[in-house]
N, C-alpha and C. Protein backbone atom coordinates (compact mmCIF):
# COMPACT_ATOMS: atom_id res chain seq x y z
N UNK A 1 99.82 191.31 -59.91
CA UNK A 1 98.80 191.44 -58.89
C UNK A 1 98.44 190.07 -58.30
N UNK A 2 98.30 189.07 -59.16
CA UNK A 2 97.95 187.74 -58.68
C UNK A 2 99.08 187.14 -57.86
N UNK A 3 100.33 187.42 -58.25
CA UNK A 3 101.46 186.92 -57.48
C UNK A 3 101.45 187.48 -56.06
N UNK A 4 101.13 188.76 -55.94
CA UNK A 4 101.04 189.38 -54.62
C UNK A 4 99.93 188.72 -53.79
N UNK A 5 98.79 188.45 -54.41
CA UNK A 5 97.67 187.83 -53.70
C UNK A 5 98.01 186.41 -53.25
N UNK A 6 98.75 185.68 -54.07
CA UNK A 6 99.15 184.33 -53.69
C UNK A 6 100.11 184.36 -52.50
N UNK A 7 101.08 185.26 -52.54
CA UNK A 7 102.02 185.39 -51.43
C UNK A 7 101.30 185.83 -50.17
N UNK A 8 100.37 186.78 -50.31
CA UNK A 8 99.58 187.25 -49.18
C UNK A 8 98.73 186.12 -48.60
N UNK A 9 98.18 185.29 -49.46
CA UNK A 9 97.37 184.14 -49.03
C UNK A 9 98.21 183.17 -48.20
N UNK A 10 99.42 182.91 -48.63
CA UNK A 10 100.30 181.99 -47.90
C UNK A 10 100.65 182.56 -46.53
N UNK A 11 100.98 183.84 -46.49
CA UNK A 11 101.33 184.49 -45.22
C UNK A 11 100.16 184.47 -44.26
N UNK A 12 98.98 184.84 -44.74
CA UNK A 12 97.80 184.88 -43.88
C UNK A 12 97.44 183.48 -43.40
N UNK A 13 97.56 182.48 -44.25
CA UNK A 13 97.21 181.12 -43.84
C UNK A 13 98.17 180.59 -42.77
N UNK A 14 99.46 180.88 -42.91
CA UNK A 14 100.44 180.44 -41.90
C UNK A 14 100.17 181.16 -40.58
N UNK A 15 99.88 182.45 -40.62
CA UNK A 15 99.57 183.19 -39.40
C UNK A 15 98.29 182.68 -38.76
N UNK A 16 97.30 182.36 -39.57
CA UNK A 16 96.04 181.84 -39.04
C UNK A 16 96.24 180.50 -38.36
N UNK A 17 97.02 179.63 -38.96
CA UNK A 17 97.32 178.33 -38.34
C UNK A 17 98.05 178.53 -37.02
N UNK A 18 99.02 179.44 -36.99
CA UNK A 18 99.77 179.70 -35.77
C UNK A 18 98.87 180.24 -34.66
N UNK A 19 98.01 181.20 -34.99
CA UNK A 19 97.14 181.81 -33.98
C UNK A 19 96.15 180.78 -33.44
N UNK A 20 95.65 179.91 -34.29
CA UNK A 20 94.71 178.88 -33.83
C UNK A 20 95.41 177.88 -32.91
N UNK A 21 96.63 177.50 -33.25
CA UNK A 21 97.36 176.53 -32.43
C UNK A 21 97.81 177.10 -31.09
N UNK A 22 97.99 178.42 -31.02
CA UNK A 22 98.45 179.06 -29.78
C UNK A 22 97.32 179.19 -28.76
N UNK A 23 96.09 179.20 -29.22
CA UNK A 23 94.96 179.41 -28.32
C UNK A 23 94.84 178.30 -27.29
N UNK A 24 94.27 178.67 -26.15
CA UNK A 24 94.10 177.74 -25.04
C UNK A 24 93.11 176.64 -25.41
N UNK A 25 93.49 175.40 -25.20
CA UNK A 25 92.63 174.29 -25.57
C UNK A 25 91.51 174.06 -24.56
N UNK A 26 91.63 174.58 -23.35
CA UNK A 26 90.61 174.39 -22.32
C UNK A 26 89.59 175.52 -22.31
N UNK A 27 89.62 176.38 -23.30
CA UNK A 27 88.71 177.53 -23.32
C UNK A 27 87.36 177.19 -23.91
N UNK A 28 87.16 175.95 -24.35
CA UNK A 28 85.91 175.57 -24.97
C UNK A 28 84.76 175.48 -23.98
N UNK A 29 83.58 175.31 -24.50
CA UNK A 29 82.38 175.21 -23.68
C UNK A 29 82.19 173.77 -23.24
N UNK A 30 82.38 173.52 -21.97
CA UNK A 30 82.22 172.18 -21.42
C UNK A 30 80.97 172.17 -20.56
N UNK A 31 79.90 171.59 -21.05
CA UNK A 31 78.62 171.64 -20.36
C UNK A 31 78.56 170.71 -19.15
N UNK A 32 79.43 169.75 -19.05
CA UNK A 32 79.35 168.81 -17.94
C UNK A 32 79.87 169.40 -16.64
N UNK A 33 80.77 170.36 -16.69
CA UNK A 33 81.35 170.92 -15.47
C UNK A 33 80.88 172.33 -15.18
N UNK A 34 79.99 172.86 -16.00
CA UNK A 34 79.57 174.24 -15.80
C UNK A 34 78.40 174.30 -14.83
N UNK A 35 78.45 175.27 -13.95
CA UNK A 35 77.31 175.51 -13.07
C UNK A 35 76.41 176.57 -13.71
N UNK A 36 75.28 176.82 -13.10
CA UNK A 36 74.32 177.75 -13.69
C UNK A 36 74.82 179.20 -13.65
N UNK A 37 75.74 179.51 -12.75
CA UNK A 37 76.24 180.88 -12.66
C UNK A 37 77.39 181.15 -13.62
N UNK A 38 77.88 180.15 -14.30
CA UNK A 38 79.05 180.31 -15.16
C UNK A 38 78.69 180.43 -16.63
N UNK A 39 77.44 180.77 -16.95
CA UNK A 39 77.05 180.86 -18.36
C UNK A 39 77.64 182.06 -19.04
N UNK A 40 77.94 183.12 -18.31
CA UNK A 40 78.52 184.32 -18.92
C UNK A 40 80.03 184.16 -18.98
N UNK A 41 80.54 183.87 -20.18
CA UNK A 41 81.98 183.69 -20.36
C UNK A 41 82.51 184.92 -21.08
N UNK A 42 83.46 185.58 -20.46
CA UNK A 42 84.06 186.76 -21.09
C UNK A 42 85.52 186.48 -21.37
N UNK A 43 85.99 187.01 -22.46
CA UNK A 43 87.39 186.86 -22.83
C UNK A 43 88.12 188.11 -22.36
N UNK A 44 89.29 187.90 -21.77
CA UNK A 44 90.06 189.03 -21.26
C UNK A 44 91.52 188.86 -21.65
N UNK A 45 92.19 189.98 -21.79
CA UNK A 45 93.63 189.98 -22.02
C UNK A 45 94.05 189.32 -23.30
N UNK A 46 95.08 188.47 -23.22
CA UNK A 46 95.63 187.83 -24.42
C UNK A 46 94.62 186.93 -25.12
N UNK A 47 93.71 186.33 -24.37
CA UNK A 47 92.70 185.46 -24.98
C UNK A 47 91.80 186.26 -25.91
N UNK A 48 91.45 187.47 -25.51
CA UNK A 48 90.61 188.33 -26.35
C UNK A 48 91.37 188.78 -27.59
N UNK A 49 92.65 189.10 -27.43
CA UNK A 49 93.47 189.52 -28.57
C UNK A 49 93.60 188.38 -29.58
N UNK A 50 93.82 187.17 -29.10
CA UNK A 50 93.91 186.02 -30.00
C UNK A 50 92.59 185.75 -30.70
N UNK A 51 91.49 185.94 -29.99
CA UNK A 51 90.17 185.73 -30.58
C UNK A 51 89.91 186.74 -31.70
N UNK A 52 90.19 188.00 -31.44
CA UNK A 52 89.98 189.04 -32.46
C UNK A 52 90.94 188.86 -33.62
N UNK A 53 92.19 188.48 -33.33
CA UNK A 53 93.17 188.24 -34.38
C UNK A 53 92.73 187.08 -35.28
N UNK A 54 92.16 186.05 -34.68
CA UNK A 54 91.66 184.92 -35.47
C UNK A 54 90.55 185.35 -36.41
N UNK A 55 89.64 186.18 -35.92
CA UNK A 55 88.54 186.66 -36.76
C UNK A 55 89.07 187.52 -37.90
N UNK A 56 90.00 188.42 -37.61
CA UNK A 56 90.56 189.30 -38.64
C UNK A 56 91.31 188.49 -39.69
N UNK A 57 92.15 187.54 -39.26
CA UNK A 57 92.90 186.73 -40.21
C UNK A 57 91.99 185.85 -41.05
N UNK A 58 90.94 185.31 -40.44
CA UNK A 58 89.99 184.49 -41.19
C UNK A 58 89.28 185.33 -42.25
N UNK A 59 88.89 186.55 -41.88
CA UNK A 59 88.23 187.44 -42.85
C UNK A 59 89.17 187.79 -44.00
N UNK A 60 90.42 188.11 -43.68
CA UNK A 60 91.40 188.40 -44.73
C UNK A 60 91.61 187.19 -45.64
N UNK A 61 91.65 186.00 -45.05
CA UNK A 61 91.84 184.79 -45.82
C UNK A 61 90.69 184.56 -46.80
N UNK A 62 89.46 184.72 -46.32
CA UNK A 62 88.29 184.49 -47.17
C UNK A 62 88.21 185.52 -48.28
N UNK A 63 88.42 186.79 -47.95
CA UNK A 63 88.36 187.85 -48.96
C UNK A 63 89.45 187.66 -50.00
N UNK A 64 90.65 187.32 -49.55
CA UNK A 64 91.76 187.10 -50.48
C UNK A 64 91.49 185.89 -51.37
N UNK A 65 90.91 184.84 -50.81
CA UNK A 65 90.58 183.66 -51.61
C UNK A 65 89.54 183.99 -52.68
N UNK A 66 88.55 184.76 -52.29
CA UNK A 66 87.55 185.18 -53.28
C UNK A 66 88.15 186.06 -54.38
N UNK A 67 89.05 186.95 -53.99
CA UNK A 67 89.73 187.78 -55.01
C UNK A 67 90.55 186.93 -55.96
N UNK A 68 91.26 185.96 -55.41
CA UNK A 68 92.04 185.06 -56.27
C UNK A 68 91.13 184.27 -57.21
N UNK A 69 89.97 183.85 -56.73
CA UNK A 69 89.02 183.11 -57.56
C UNK A 69 88.48 183.98 -58.68
N UNK A 70 88.14 185.21 -58.37
CA UNK A 70 87.55 186.11 -59.36
C UNK A 70 88.59 186.54 -60.39
N UNK A 71 89.80 186.81 -59.95
CA UNK A 71 90.83 187.32 -60.85
C UNK A 71 91.51 186.22 -61.67
N UNK A 72 91.36 184.98 -61.27
CA UNK A 72 92.01 183.89 -62.03
C UNK A 72 91.24 183.54 -63.27
């Protein structure tokens, strides 16, 4: 069981690194160039999929890490 969790941890961590590196670097909040009408930022299309995928992979990573800690 622990071997499976370790392998799963490695796979999830590699996928998480890949998904984070693929994301657009200009998507951050830049307060110097924003006007007052641009406060509502919505994610659409692939950007939204990458955002949700990042959240899911991060959650799997944390839960798996906690399981490994408890079972070790």
